[in-house]
Amino acid sequence: MKPTFKYYLSIALALLAIFLCGYGIGFLFGERKGLRSVPDSLTQPPTQTSSIANWEETTLALIQKSIALTPEQLVLVKAEIAKSAARVRAAREDAFDVYRRESRALNERLQPHLTPEQRKTLPGASPE
């Protein structure tokens, strides 16, 4: 039996489909890796491991790298970055206070549902 054009065409299409699948998977994984390696300190909030001071330094460095600033502009940009950092610090402190209040309130609401032994071992409960 001699191969016909139909067989050659089906083999070519199968190879093309395999190639396109490999290209698509490589593109997806390559994009993710590429996105992780490019830091964008202007749009990403500071993580738990980085400090606000580090965010201030990297943001200023990124702006200076992107834009040629005059000495007057540099002073103004530093002041604006410092204002933003102060607002972020305040928001974190407020969030921590809210967390503590809610934790205490939760423990108080749980107390009536627990036995005395369970109350003593409740995580976050006061030692009273």
Foldseek 3Di string as FASTA:
>chain_A
DDDDPVVVVVVVVVVVVVVVVVVVVCVVVVVVVVVVVDDDLVPDDDDPVDALVVSLVVVLVVCVVVDPDDPVVSVVVSVVSVVVSVVVVVVVVVVVVVVLVVVVVVLVVCVVVDDPVCNCVPPPHDND
